[in-house]
Amino acid sequence: MNRHRNRQRRLSIPEATLLVMAGVVLMAGGFLHAWMRNSQVEVRREIDKAERRISDHEDTINSLQVKIDRKLNIYQIRDDLVKARSELCEVPASAVEIISPNDLPPAGKEGRSLAHATP
């Protein structure tokens, strides 16, 4: 028993080969992990950039919608027409004639368009 205890322990060739292979596999795993993590960070940055662009576009859309609403405000239009001294005037609701699409003649049969039609 003492004979085995006093003898120096050396690695055999299969054990050394196995240790080298395990080291190579661990290093490759570490490099692969670092590469995947870097890719994940890059994708996250691209997602953040896209979300910021979407947010900016939404803000632009909202501000344009506010401008459109201001332009289409009937009271604002009336004030602008008065300031511009326009000859346009308000049309009473009784002067509006409702025409259904079924009452219109086909465009090709009469040879004239609605824009040139005379009453």
PDB file of N, CA and C in Angstrom:
ATOM      1  N   MET A   1       0.805  -1.181   0.000  1.00  0.00           N
ATOM      2  CA  MET A   1       0.000   0.000   0.000  1.00  0.00           C
ATOM      3  C   MET A   1       0.860   1.262   0.000  1.00  0.00           C
ATOM      4  N   ASN A   2       1.948   1.242   0.757  1.00  0.00           N
ATOM      5  CA  ASN A   2       2.831   2.384   0.790  1.00  0.00           C
ATOM      6  C   ASN A   2       3.545   2.580  -0.539  1.00  0.00           C
ATOM      7  N   ARG A   3       3.729   1.494  -1.234  1.00  0.00           N
ATOM      8  CA  ARG A   3       4.403   1.579  -2.512  1.00  0.00           C
ATOM      9  C   ARG A   3       3.615   2.471  -3.480  1.00  0.00           C
ATOM     10  N   HIS A   4       2.309   2.379  -3.477  1.00  0.00           N
ATOM     11  CA  HIS A   4       1.479   3.205  -4.357  1.00  0.00           C
ATOM     12  C   HIS A   4       1.421   4.652  -3.885  1.00  0.00           C
ATOM     13  N   ARG A   5       1.496   4.852  -2.608  1.00  0.00           N
ATOM     14  CA  ARG A   5       1.409   6.191  -2.071  1.00  0.00           C
ATOM     15  C   ARG A   5       2.672   6.993  -2.356  1.00  0.00           C
ATOM     16  N   ASN A   6       3.800   6.406  -2.343  1.00  0.00           N
ATOM     17  CA  ASN A   6       5.059   7.109  -2.538  1.00  0.00           C
ATOM     18  C   ASN A   6       5.361   7.364  -4.019  1.00  0.00           C
ATOM     19  N   ARG A   7       4.736   6.659  -4.919  1.00  0.00           N
ATOM     20  CA  ARG A   7       5.023   6.817  -6.339  1.00  0.00           C
ATOM     21  C   ARG A   7       4.365   8.086  -6.868  1.00  0.00           C
ATOM     22  N   GLN A   8       5.091   8.837  -7.684  1.00  0.00           N
ATOM     23  CA  GLN A   8       4.529  10.069  -8.242  1.00  0.00           C
ATOM     24  C   GLN A   8       3.492   9.713  -9.294  1.00  0.00           C
ATOM     25  N   ARG A   9       2.438  10.453  -9.242  1.00  0.00           N
ATOM     26  CA  ARG A   9       1.331  10.203 -10.179  1.00  0.00           C
ATOM     27  C   ARG A   9       1.564  11.031 -11.427  1.00  0.00           C
ATOM     28  N   ARG A  10       1.575  10.410 -12.583  1.00  0.00           N
ATOM     29  CA  ARG A  10       1.730  11.101 -13.855  1.00  0.00           C
ATOM     30  C   ARG A  10       0.495  10.835 -14.692  1.00  0.00           C
ATOM     31  N   LEU A  11       0.220  11.815 -15.585  1.00  0.00           N
ATOM     32  CA  LEU A  11      -0.934  11.655 -16.473  1.00  0.00           C
ATOM     33  C   LEU A  11      -0.580  10.727 -17.618  1.00  0.00           C
ATOM     34  N   SER A  12      -1.508   9.876 -17.920  1.00  0.00           N
ATOM     35  CA  SER A  12      -1.291   9.011 -19.073  1.00  0.00           C
ATOM     36  C   SER A  12      -1.646   9.791 -20.337  1.00  0.00           C
ATOM     37  N   ILE A  13      -1.279   9.284 -21.488  1.00  0.00           N
ATOM     38  CA  ILE A  13      -1.543   9.964 -22.761  1.00  0.00           C
ATOM     39  C   ILE A  13      -3.045  10.132 -22.996  1.00  0.00           C
ATOM     40  N   PRO A  14      -3.879   9.142 -22.753  1.00  0.00           N
ATOM     41  CA  PRO A  14      -5.323   9.369 -22.952  1.00  0.00           C
ATOM     42  C   PRO A  14      -5.889  10.434 -22.006  1.00  0.00           C
ATOM     43  N   GLU A  15      -5.410  10.464 -20.781  1.00  0.00           N
ATOM     44  CA  GLU A  15      -5.888  11.486 -19.843  1.00  0.00           C
ATOM     45  C   GLU A  15      -5.467  12.881 -20.303  1.00  0.00           C
ATOM     46  N   ALA A  16      -4.229  13.050 -20.731  1.00  0.00           N
ATOM     47  CA  ALA A  16      -3.738  14.348 -21.201  1.00  0.00           C
ATOM     48  C   ALA A  16      -4.506  14.786 -22.444  1.00  0.00           C
ATOM     49  N   THR A  17      -4.726  13.831 -23.358  1.00  0.00           N
ATOM     50  CA  THR A  17      -5.494  14.143 -24.570  1.00  0.00           C
ATOM     51  C   THR A  17      -6.906  14.586 -24.204  1.00  0.00           C
ATOM     52  N   LEU A  18      -7.522  13.911 -23.272  1.00  0.00           N
ATOM     53  CA  LEU A  18      -8.871  14.266 -22.831  1.00  0.00           C
ATOM     54  C   LEU A  18      -8.899  15.649 -22.192  1.00  0.00           C
ATOM     55  N   LEU A  19      -7.878  15.978 -21.397  1.00  0.00           N
ATOM     56  CA  LEU A  19      -7.800  17.305 -20.785  1.00  0.00           C
ATOM     57  C   LEU A  19      -7.614  18.394 -21.842  1.00  0.00           C
ATOM     58  N   VAL A  20      -6.774  18.143 -22.830  1.00  0.00           N
ATOM     59  CA  VAL A  20      -6.557  19.118 -23.894  1.00  0.00           C
ATOM     60  C   VAL A  20      -7.854  19.314 -24.681  1.00  0.00           C
ATOM     61  N   MET A  21      -8.524  18.212 -25.008  1.00  0.00           N
ATOM     62  CA  MET A  21      -9.787  18.314 -25.750  1.00  0.00           C
ATOM     63  C   MET A  21     -10.837  19.070 -24.935  1.00  0.00           C
ATOM     64  N   ALA A  22     -10.905  18.810 -23.638  1.00  0.00           N
ATOM     65  CA  ALA A  22     -11.861  19.519 -22.783  1.00  0.00           C
ATOM     66  C   ALA A  22     -11.532  21.011 -22.745  1.00  0.00           C
ATOM     67  N   GLY A  23     -10.243  21.346 -22.689  1.00  0.00           N
ATOM     68  CA  GLY A  23      -9.839  22.757 -22.702  1.00  0.00           C
ATOM     69  C   GLY A  23     -10.228  23.437 -24.007  1.00  0.00           C
ATOM     70  N   VAL A  24     -10.025  22.738 -25.132  1.00  0.00           N
ATOM     71  CA  VAL A  24     -10.383  23.304 -26.433  1.00  0.00           C
ATOM     72  C   VAL A  24     -11.895  23.507 -26.516  1.00  0.00           C
ATOM     73  N   VAL A  25     -12.656  22.538 -26.045  1.00  0.00           N
ATOM     74  CA  VAL A  25     -14.119  22.652 -26.075  1.00  0.00           C
ATOM     75  C   VAL A  25     -14.573  23.804 -25.184  1.00  0.00           C
ATOM     76  N   LEU A  26     -13.985  23.963 -24.018  1.00  0.00           N
ATOM     77  CA  LEU A  26     -14.351  25.054 -23.122  1.00  0.00           C
ATOM     78  C   LEU A  26     -13.988  26.414 -23.718  1.00  0.00           C
ATOM     79  N   MET A  27     -12.811  26.496 -24.363  1.00  0.00           N
ATOM     80  CA  MET A  27     -12.436  27.761 -24.997  1.00  0.00           C
ATOM     81  C   MET A  27     -13.387  28.085 -26.147  1.00  0.00           C
ATOM     82  N   ALA A  28     -13.701  27.086 -26.950  1.00  0.00           N
ATOM     83  CA  ALA A  28     -14.625  27.313 -28.068  1.00  0.00           C
ATOM     84  C   ALA A  28     -16.000  27.738 -27.544  1.00  0.00           C
ATOM     85  N   GLY A  29     -16.424  27.112 -26.463  1.00  0.00           N
ATOM     86  CA  GLY A  29     -17.700  27.504 -25.847  1.00  0.00           C
ATOM     87  C   GLY A  29     -17.668  28.928 -25.334  1.00  0.00           C
ATOM     88  N   GLY A  30     -16.546  29.334 -24.765  1.00  0.00           N
ATOM     89  CA  GLY A  30     -16.407  30.710 -24.282  1.00  0.00           C
ATOM     90  C   GLY A  30     -16.442  31.716 -25.422  1.00  0.00           C
ATOM     91  N   PHE A  31     -15.723  31.410 -26.503  1.00  0.00           N
ATOM     92  CA  PHE A  31     -15.748  32.304 -27.670  1.00  0.00           C
ATOM     93  C   PHE A  31     -17.142  32.367 -28.278  1.00  0.00           C
ATOM     94  N   LEU A  32     -17.791  31.225 -28.375  1.00  0.00           N
ATOM     95  CA  LEU A  32     -19.140  31.191 -28.941  1.00  0.00           C
ATOM     96  C   LEU A  32     -20.113  31.987 -28.063  1.00  0.00           C
ATOM     97  N   HIS A  33     -19.976  31.846 -26.765  1.00  0.00           N
ATOM     98  CA  HIS A  33     -20.833  32.603 -25.850  1.00  0.00           C
ATOM     99  C   HIS A  33     -20.603  34.108 -26.008  1.00  0.00           C
ATOM    100  N   ALA A  34     -19.350  34.521 -26.093  1.00  0.00           N
ATOM    101  CA  ALA A  34     -19.046  35.947 -26.251  1.00  0.00           C
ATOM    102  C   ALA A  34     -19.583  36.466 -27.578  1.00  0.00           C
ATOM    103  N   TRP A  35     -19.438  35.689 -28.637  1.00  0.00           N
ATOM    104  CA  TRP A  35     -19.928  36.109 -29.958  1.00  0.00           C
ATOM    105  C   TRP A  35     -21.449  36.229 -29.955  1.00  0.00           C
ATOM    106  N   MET A  36     -22.130  35.246 -29.381  1.00  0.00           N
ATOM    107  CA  MET A  36     -23.602  35.280 -29.320  1.00  0.00           C
ATOM    108  C   MET A  36     -24.078  36.447 -28.459  1.00  0.00           C
ATOM    109  N   ARG A  37     -23.415  36.693 -27.373  1.00  0.00           N
ATOM    110  CA  ARG A  37     -23.795  37.800 -26.492  1.00  0.00           C
ATOM    111  C   ARG A  37     -23.609  39.136 -27.211  1.00  0.00           C
ATOM    112  N   ASN A  38     -22.524  39.275 -27.968  1.00  0.00           N
ATOM    113  CA  ASN A  38     -22.274  40.486 -28.735  1.00  0.00           C
ATOM    114  C   ASN A  38     -23.354  40.662 -29.801  1.00  0.00           C
ATOM    115  N   SER A  39     -23.734  39.584 -30.454  1.00  0.00           N
ATOM    116  CA  SER A  39     -24.805  39.649 -31.449  1.00  0.00           C
ATOM    117  C   SER A  39     -26.116  40.068 -30.795  1.00  0.00           C
ATOM    118  N   GLN A  40     -26.372  39.545 -29.626  1.00  0.00           N
ATOM    119  CA  GLN A  40     -27.599  39.892 -28.909  1.00  0.00           C
ATOM    120  C   GLN A  40     -27.614  41.382 -28.557  1.00  0.00           C
ATOM    121  N   VAL A  41     -26.488  41.913 -28.142  1.00  0.00           N
ATOM    122  CA  VAL A  41     -26.395  43.338 -27.813  1.00  0.00           C
ATOM    123  C   VAL A  41     -26.617  44.185 -29.060  1.00  0.00           C
ATOM    124  N   GLU A  42     -26.028  43.776 -30.192  1.00  0.00           N
ATOM    125  CA  GLU A  42     -26.216  44.520 -31.436  1.00  0.00           C
ATOM    126  C   GLU A  42     -27.685  44.513 -31.874  1.00  0.00           C
ATOM    127  N   VAL A  43     -28.339  43.370 -31.766  1.00  0.00           N
ATOM    128  CA  VAL A  43     -29.753  43.285 -32.138  1.00  0.00           C
ATOM    129  C   VAL A  43     -30.589  44.158 -31.214  1.00  0.00           C
ATOM    130  N   ARG A  44     -30.271  44.158 -29.937  1.00  0.00           N
ATOM    131  CA  ARG A  44     -31.010  44.994 -28.985  1.00  0.00           C
ATOM    132  C   ARG A  44     -30.844  46.477 -29.333  1.00  0.00           C
ATOM    133  N   ARG A  45     -29.644  46.878 -29.737  1.00  0.00           N
ATOM    134  CA  ARG A  45     -29.419  48.271 -30.134  1.00  0.00           C
ATOM    135  C   ARG A  45     -30.239  48.616 -31.374  1.00  0.00           C
ATOM    136  N   GLU A  46     -30.286  47.702 -32.341  1.00  0.00           N
ATOM    137  CA  GLU A  46     -31.086  47.946 -33.547  1.00  0.00           C
ATOM    138  C   GLU A  46     -32.572  48.053 -33.203  1.00  0.00           C
ATOM    139  N   ILE A  47     -33.038  47.211 -32.297  1.00  0.00           N
ATOM    140  CA  ILE A  47     -34.444  47.264 -31.875  1.00  0.00           C
ATOM    141  C   ILE A  47     -34.734  48.600 -31.196  1.00  0.00           C
ATOM    142  N   ASP A  48     -33.836  49.040 -30.328  1.00  0.00           N
ATOM    143  CA  ASP A  48     -34.020  50.328 -29.658  1.00  0.00           C
ATOM    144  C   ASP A  48     -34.047  51.476 -30.662  1.00  0.00           C
ATOM    145  N   LYS A  49     -33.147  51.400 -31.661  1.00  0.00           N
ATOM    146  CA  LYS A  49     -33.102  52.438 -32.683  1.00  0.00           C
ATOM    147  C   LYS A  49     -34.414  52.461 -33.476  1.00  0.00           C
ATOM    148  N   ALA A  50     -34.926  51.279 -33.817  1.00  0.00           N
ATOM    149  CA  ALA A  50     -36.188  51.204 -34.558  1.00  0.00           C
ATOM    150  C   ALA A  50     -37.348  51.723 -33.705  1.00  0.00           C
ATOM    151  N   GLU A  51     -37.352  51.397 -32.425  1.00  0.00           N
ATOM    152  CA  GLU A  51     -38.414  51.887 -31.535  1.00  0.00           C
ATOM    153  C   GLU A  51     -38.359  53.408 -31.412  1.00  0.00           C
ATOM    154  N   ARG A  52     -37.162  53.978 -31.355  1.00  0.00           N
ATOM    155  CA  ARG A  52     -37.036  55.442 -31.306  1.00  0.00           C
ATOM    156  C   ARG A  52     -37.554  56.070 -32.586  1.00  0.00           C
ATOM    157  N   ARG A  53     -37.223  55.461 -33.741  1.00  0.00           N
ATOM    158  CA  ARG A  53     -37.722  55.996 -35.011  1.00  0.00           C
ATOM    159  C   ARG A  53     -39.245  55.912 -35.080  1.00  0.00           C
ATOM    160  N   ILE A  54     -39.808  54.801 -34.612  1.00  0.00           N
ATOM    161  CA  ILE A  54     -41.265  54.654 -34.593  1.00  0.00           C
ATOM    162  C   ILE A  54     -41.885  55.716 -33.706  1.00  0.00           C
ATOM    163  N   SER A  55     -41.298  55.940 -32.542  1.00  0.00           N
ATOM    164  CA  SER A  55     -41.801  56.958 -31.621  1.00  0.00           C
ATOM    165  C   SER A  55     -41.734  58.344 -32.246  1.00  0.00           C
ATOM    166  N   ASP A  56     -40.616  58.628 -32.929  1.00  0.00           N
ATOM    167  CA  ASP A  56     -40.481  59.928 -33.606  1.00  0.00           C
ATOM    168  C   ASP A  56     -41.535  60.085 -34.691  1.00  0.00           C
ATOM    169  N   HIS A  57     -41.784  59.017 -35.447  1.00  0.00           N
ATOM    170  CA  HIS A  57     -42.803  59.081 -36.495  1.00  0.00           C
ATOM    171  C   HIS A  57     -44.200  59.271 -35.907  1.00  0.00           C
ATOM    172  N   GLU A  58     -44.458  58.605 -34.789  1.00  0.00           N
ATOM    173  CA  GLU A  58     -45.761  58.775 -34.136  1.00  0.00           C
ATOM    174  C   GLU A  58     -45.935  60.215 -33.665  1.00  0.00           C
ATOM    175  N   ASP A  59     -44.871  60.805 -33.119  1.00  0.00           N
ATOM    176  CA  ASP A  59     -44.940  62.208 -32.701  1.00  0.00           C
ATOM    177  C   ASP A  59     -45.184  63.124 -33.894  1.00  0.00           C
ATOM    178  N   THR A  60     -44.504  62.842 -35.000  1.00  0.00           N
ATOM    179  CA  THR A  60     -44.699  63.640 -36.208  1.00  0.00           C
ATOM    180  C   THR A  60     -46.126  63.507 -36.720  1.00  0.00           C
ATOM    181  N   ILE A  61     -46.646  62.292 -36.704  1.00  0.00           N
ATOM    182  CA  ILE A  61     -48.029  62.056 -37.151  1.00  0.00           C
ATOM    183  C   ILE A  61     -49.002  62.821 -36.262  1.00  0.00           C
ATOM    184  N   ASN A  62     -48.772  62.774 -34.958  1.00  0.00           N
ATOM    185  CA  ASN A  62     -49.664  63.483 -34.035  1.00  0.00           C
ATOM    186  C   ASN A  62     -49.617  64.991 -34.264  1.00  0.00           C
ATOM    187  N   SER A  63     -48.408  65.531 -34.475  1.00  0.00           N
ATOM    188  CA  SER A  63     -48.323  66.971 -34.701  1.00  0.00           C
ATOM    189  C   SER A  63     -48.956  67.359 -36.035  1.00  0.00           C
ATOM    190  N   LEU A  64     -48.804  66.523 -37.055  1.00  0.00           N
ATOM    191  CA  LEU A  64     -49.463  66.799 -38.329  1.00  0.00           C
ATOM    192  C   LEU A  64     -50.980  66.709 -38.198  1.00  0.00           C
ATOM    193  N   GLN A  65     -51.447  65.756 -37.407  1.00  0.00           N
ATOM    194  CA  GLN A  65     -52.888  65.625 -37.194  1.00  0.00           C
ATOM    195  C   GLN A  65     -53.445  66.862 -36.497  1.00  0.00           C
ATOM    196  N   VAL A  66     -52.698  67.406 -35.556  1.00  0.00           N
ATOM    197  CA  VAL A  66     -53.127  68.632 -34.883  1.00  0.00           C
ATOM    198  C   VAL A  66     -53.178  69.784 -35.877  1.00  0.00           C
ATOM    199  N   LYS A  67     -52.162  69.889 -36.749  1.00  0.00           N
ATOM    200  CA  LYS A  67     -52.165  70.949 -37.759  1.00  0.00           C
ATOM    201  C   LYS A  67     -53.346  70.792 -38.714  1.00  0.00           C
ATOM    202  N   ILE A  68     -53.631  69.560 -39.119  1.00  0.00           N
ATOM    203  CA  ILE A  68     -54.763  69.313 -40.015  1.00  0.00           C
ATOM    204  C   ILE A  68     -56.069  69.694 -39.328  1.00  0.00           C
ATOM    205  N   ASP A  69     -56.208  69.310 -38.071  1.00  0.00           N
ATOM    206  CA  ASP A  69     -57.426  69.652 -37.334  1.00  0.00           C
ATOM    207  C   ASP A  69     -57.595  71.164 -37.219  1.00  0.00           C
ATOM    208  N   ARG A  70     -56.483  71.876 -37.027  1.00  0.00           N
ATOM    209  CA  ARG A  70     -56.567  73.343 -36.963  1.00  0.00           C
ATOM    210  C   ARG A  70     -56.999  73.921 -38.303  1.00  0.00           C
ATOM    211  N   LYS A  71     -56.448  73.368 -39.383  1.00  0.00           N
ATOM    212  CA  LYS A  71     -56.805  73.868 -40.715  1.00  0.00           C
ATOM    213  C   LYS A  71     -58.260  73.561 -41.068  1.00  0.00           C
ATOM    214  N   LEU A  72     -58.785  72.459 -40.583  1.00  0.00           N
ATOM    215  CA  LEU A  72     -60.157  72.061 -40.904  1.00  0.00           C
ATOM    216  C   LEU A  72     -61.186  72.595 -39.914  1.00  0.00           C
ATOM    217  N   ASN A  73     -60.741  73.349 -38.943  1.00  0.00           N
ATOM    218  CA  ASN A  73     -61.657  73.941 -37.967  1.00  0.00           C
ATOM    219  C   ASN A  73     -62.513  74.986 -38.683  1.00  0.00           C
ATOM    220  N   ILE A  74     -63.811  74.796 -38.660  1.00  0.00           N
ATOM    221  CA  ILE A  74     -64.718  75.660 -39.431  1.00  0.00           C
ATOM    222  C   ILE A  74     -64.638  77.114 -38.976  1.00  0.00           C
ATOM    223  N   TYR A  75     -64.474  77.329 -37.702  1.00  0.00           N
ATOM    224  CA  TYR A  75     -64.374  78.708 -37.201  1.00  0.00           C
ATOM    225  C   TYR A  75     -63.075  79.360 -37.652  1.00  0.00           C
ATOM    226  N   GLN A  76     -62.008  78.571 -37.674  1.00  0.00           N
ATOM    227  CA  GLN A  76     -60.728  79.092 -38.142  1.00  0.00           C
ATOM    228  C   GLN A  76     -60.802  79.410 -39.634  1.00  0.00           C
ATOM    229  N   ILE A  77     -61.462  78.546 -40.391  1.00  0.00           N
ATOM    230  CA  ILE A  77     -61.611  78.797 -41.838  1.00  0.00           C
ATOM    231  C   ILE A  77     -62.399  80.085 -42.071  1.00  0.00           C
ATOM    232  N   ARG A  78     -63.461  80.269 -41.327  1.00  0.00           N
ATOM    233  CA  ARG A  78     -64.261  81.500 -41.474  1.00  0.00           C
ATOM    234  C   ARG A  78     -63.427  82.735 -41.147  1.00  0.00           C
ATOM    235  N   ASP A  79     -62.658  82.660 -40.055  1.00  0.00           N
ATOM    236  CA  ASP A  79     -61.811  83.799 -39.685  1.00  0.00           C
ATOM    237  C   ASP A  79     -60.759  84.073 -40.752  1.00  0.00           C
ATOM    238  N   ASP A  80     -60.168  83.012 -41.302  1.00  0.00           N
ATOM    239  CA  ASP A  80     -59.154  83.186 -42.345  1.00  0.00           C
ATOM    240  C   ASP A  80     -59.761  83.809 -43.601  1.00  0.00           C
ATOM    241  N   LEU A  81     -60.981  83.402 -43.951  1.00  0.00           N
ATOM    242  CA  LEU A  81     -61.641  83.976 -45.125  1.00  0.00           C
ATOM    243  C   LEU A  81     -61.964  85.455 -44.910  1.00  0.00           C
ATOM    244  N   VAL A  82     -62.374  85.798 -43.704  1.00  0.00           N
ATOM    245  CA  VAL A  82     -62.667  87.203 -43.413  1.00  0.00           C
ATOM    246  C   VAL A  82     -61.380  88.023 -43.468  1.00  0.00           C
ATOM    247  N   LYS A  83     -60.297  87.497 -42.896  1.00  0.00           N
ATOM    248  CA  LYS A  83     -59.022  88.215 -42.910  1.00  0.00           C
ATOM    249  C   LYS A  83     -58.502  88.387 -44.335  1.00  0.00           C
ATOM    250  N   ALA A  84     -58.733  87.398 -45.185  1.00  0.00           N
ATOM    251  CA  ALA A  84     -58.255  87.457 -46.565  1.00  0.00           C
ATOM    252  C   ALA A  84     -59.204  88.247 -47.465  1.00  0.00           C
ATOM    253  N   ARG A  85     -60.310  88.728 -46.906  1.00  0.00           N
ATOM    254  CA  ARG A  85     -61.323  89.466 -47.662  1.00  0.00           C
ATOM    255  C   ARG A  85     -61.784  88.659 -48.880  1.00  0.00           C
ATOM    256  N   SER A  86     -62.066  87.398 -48.629  1.00  0.00           N
ATOM    257  CA  SER A  86     -62.499  86.490 -49.693  1.00  0.00           C
ATOM    258  C   SER A  86     -63.957  86.749 -50.046  1.00  0.00           C
ATOM    259  N   GLU A  87     -64.295  86.472 -51.302  1.00  0.00           N
ATOM    260  CA  GLU A  87     -65.681  86.623 -51.735  1.00  0.00           C
ATOM    261  C   GLU A  87     -66.505  85.375 -51.431  1.00  0.00           C
ATOM    262  N   LEU A  88     -65.865  84.358 -50.940  1.00  0.00           N
ATOM    263  CA  LEU A  88     -66.599  83.140 -50.591  1.00  0.00           C
ATOM    264  C   LEU A  88     -67.532  83.433 -49.433  1.00  0.00           C
ATOM    265  N   CYS A  89     -68.707  82.837 -49.495  1.00  0.00           N
ATOM    266  CA  CYS A  89     -69.682  83.047 -48.429  1.00  0.00           C
ATOM    267  C   CYS A  89     -70.276  81.714 -48.023  1.00  0.00           C
ATOM    268  N   GLU A  90     -70.992  81.728 -46.921  1.00  0.00           N
ATOM    269  CA  GLU A  90     -71.592  80.527 -46.397  1.00  0.00           C
ATOM    270  C   GLU A  90     -72.782  80.122 -47.272  1.00  0.00           C
ATOM    271  N   VAL A  91     -72.923  78.840 -47.524  1.00  0.00           N
ATOM    272  CA  VAL A  91     -74.037  78.317 -48.314  1.00  0.00           C
ATOM    273  C   VAL A  91     -75.061  77.741 -47.338  1.00  0.00           C
ATOM    274  N   PRO A  92     -76.324  78.149 -47.449  1.00  0.00           N
ATOM    275  CA  PRO A  92     -77.326  77.590 -46.542  1.00  0.00           C
ATOM    276  C   PRO A  92     -77.555  76.109 -46.835  1.00  0.00           C
ATOM    277  N   ALA A  93     -77.923  75.379 -45.822  1.00  0.00           N
ATOM    278  CA  ALA A  93     -78.128  73.939 -45.962  1.00  0.00           C
ATOM    279  C   ALA A  93     -79.255  73.631 -46.939  1.00  0.00           C
ATOM    280  N   SER A  94     -80.229  74.526 -47.095  1.00  0.00           N
ATOM    281  CA  SER A  94     -81.340  74.271 -48.011  1.00  0.00           C
ATOM    282  C   SER A  94     -80.888  74.329 -49.470  1.00  0.00           C
ATOM    283  N   ALA A  95     -79.743  74.930 -49.760  1.00  0.00           N
ATOM    284  CA  ALA A  95     -79.254  75.032 -51.129  1.00  0.00           C
ATOM    285  C   ALA A  95     -78.486  73.782 -51.563  1.00  0.00           C
ATOM    286  N   VAL A  96     -78.219  72.879 -50.648  1.00  0.00           N
ATOM    287  CA  VAL A  96     -77.462  71.674 -50.964  1.00  0.00           C
ATOM    288  C   VAL A  96     -78.423  70.632 -51.521  1.00  0.00           C
ATOM    289  N   GLU A  97     -78.088  70.096 -52.671  1.00  0.00           N
ATOM    290  CA  GLU A  97     -78.911  69.072 -53.307  1.00  0.00           C
ATOM    291  C   GLU A  97     -78.207  67.728 -53.158  1.00  0.00           C
ATOM    292  N   ILE A  98     -78.928  66.744 -52.692  1.00  0.00           N
ATOM    293  CA  ILE A  98     -78.368  65.413 -52.493  1.00  0.00           C
ATOM    294  C   ILE A  98     -78.645  64.584 -53.744  1.00  0.00           C
ATOM    295  N   ILE A  99     -77.594  64.029 -54.311  1.00  0.00           N
ATOM    296  CA  ILE A  99     -77.711  63.218 -55.520  1.00  0.00           C
ATOM    297  C   ILE A  99     -77.179  61.833 -55.189  1.00  0.00           C
ATOM    298  N   SER A 100     -77.986  60.819 -55.456  1.00  0.00           N
ATOM    299  CA  SER A 100     -77.519  59.461 -55.190  1.00  0.00           C
ATOM    300  C   SER A 100     -76.760  58.964 -56.418  1.00  0.00           C
ATOM    301  N   PRO A 101     -75.843  58.050 -56.244  1.00  0.00           N
ATOM    302  CA  PRO A 101     -75.063  57.547 -57.379  1.00  0.00           C
ATOM    303  C   PRO A 101     -75.925  56.836 -58.417  1.00  0.00           C
ATOM    304  N   ASN A 102     -77.069  56.315 -58.014  1.00  0.00           N
ATOM    305  CA  ASN A 102     -77.935  55.604 -58.957  1.00  0.00           C
ATOM    306  C   ASN A 102     -78.631  56.561 -59.921  1.00  0.00           C
ATOM    307  N   ASP A 103     -78.772  57.829 -59.550  1.00  0.00           N
ATOM    308  CA  ASP A 103     -79.435  58.807 -60.403  1.00  0.00           C
ATOM    309  C   ASP A 103     -78.529  59.348 -61.503  1.00  0.00           C
ATOM    310  N   LEU A 104     -77.233  59.140 -61.388  1.00  0.00           N
ATOM    311  CA  LEU A 104     -76.291  59.678 -62.369  1.00  0.00           C
ATOM    312  C   LEU A 104     -76.284  58.820 -63.632  1.00  0.00           C
ATOM    313  N   PRO A 105     -76.226  59.450 -64.808  1.00  0.00           N
ATOM    314  CA  PRO A 105     -76.104  58.667 -66.034  1.00  0.00           C
ATOM    315  C   PRO A 105     -74.692  58.132 -66.165  1.00  0.00           C
ATOM    316  N   PRO A 106     -74.509  57.011 -66.849  1.00  0.00           N
ATOM    317  CA  PRO A 106     -73.150  56.498 -67.047  1.00  0.00           C
ATOM    318  C   PRO A 106     -72.312  57.525 -67.802  1.00  0.00           C
ATOM    319  N   ALA A 107     -71.040  57.609 -67.488  1.00  0.00           N
ATOM    320  CA  ALA A 107     -70.176  58.652 -68.046  1.00  0.00           C
ATOM    321  C   ALA A 107     -69.982  58.499 -69.543  1.00  0.00           C
ATOM    322  N   GLY A 108     -69.976  57.302 -70.082  1.00  0.00           N
ATOM    323  CA  GLY A 108     -69.688  57.095 -71.486  1.00  0.00           C
ATOM    324  C   GLY A 108     -70.885  57.257 -72.397  1.00  0.00           C
ATOM    325  N   LYS A 109     -72.111  57.195 -71.889  1.00  0.00           N
ATOM    326  CA  LYS A 109     -73.289  57.192 -72.751  1.00  0.00           C
ATOM    327  C   LYS A 109     -73.641  58.570 -73.280  1.00  0.00           C
ATOM    328  N   GLU A 110     -73.525  59.602 -72.471  1.00  0.00           N
ATOM    329  CA  GLU A 110     -73.918  60.931 -72.926  1.00  0.00           C
ATOM    330  C   GLU A 110     -72.783  61.654 -73.632  1.00  0.00           C
ATOM    331  N   GLY A 111     -71.587  61.205 -73.472  1.00  0.00           N
ATOM    332  CA  GLY A 111     -70.468  61.831 -74.155  1.00  0.00           C
ATOM    333  C   GLY A 111     -69.941  63.060 -73.458  1.00  0.00           C
ATOM    334  N   ARG A 112     -70.414  63.394 -72.282  1.00  0.00           N
ATOM    335  CA  ARG A 112     -69.904  64.545 -71.551  1.00  0.00           C
ATOM    336  C   ARG A 112     -69.789  64.174 -70.087  1.00  0.00           C
ATOM    337  N   SER A 113     -68.919  64.835 -69.404  1.00  0.00           N
ATOM    338  CA  SER A 113     -68.707  64.509 -68.011  1.00  0.00           C
ATOM    339  C   SER A 113     -69.611  65.382 -67.157  1.00  0.00           C
ATOM    340  N   LEU A 114     -69.645  65.097 -65.902  1.00  0.00           N
ATOM    341  CA  LEU A 114     -70.486  65.864 -64.984  1.00  0.00           C
ATOM    342  C   LEU A 114     -69.997  67.292 -64.838  1.00  0.00           C
ATOM    343  N   ALA A 115     -68.726  67.518 -65.009  1.00  0.00           N
ATOM    344  CA  ALA A 115     -68.171  68.854 -64.856  1.00  0.00           C
ATOM    345  C   ALA A 115     -68.673  69.776 -65.971  1.00  0.00           C
ATOM    346  N   HIS A 116     -68.972  69.236 -67.133  1.00  0.00           N
ATOM    347  CA  HIS A 116     -69.428  70.042 -68.257  1.00  0.00           C
ATOM    348  C   HIS A 116     -70.949  70.016 -68.415  1.00  0.00           C
ATOM    349  N   ALA A 117     -71.634  69.284 -67.568  1.00  0.00           N
ATOM    350  CA  ALA A 117     -73.090  69.160 -67.695  1.00  0.00           C
ATOM    351  C   ALA A 117     -73.757  70.479 -67.315  1.00  0.00           C
ATOM    352  N   THR A 118     -74.743  70.850 -68.041  1.00  0.00           N
ATOM    353  CA  THR A 118     -75.503  72.070 -67.746  1.00  0.00           C
ATOM    354  C   THR A 118     -76.890  71.666 -67.299  1.00  0.00           C
ATOM    355  N   PRO A 119     -77.434  72.387 -66.355  1.00  0.00           N
ATOM    356  CA  PRO A 119     -78.756  72.009 -65.846  1.00  0.00           C
ATOM    357  C   PRO A 119     -79.867  72.360 -66.817  1.00  0.00           C
TER     358      PRO A 119
END
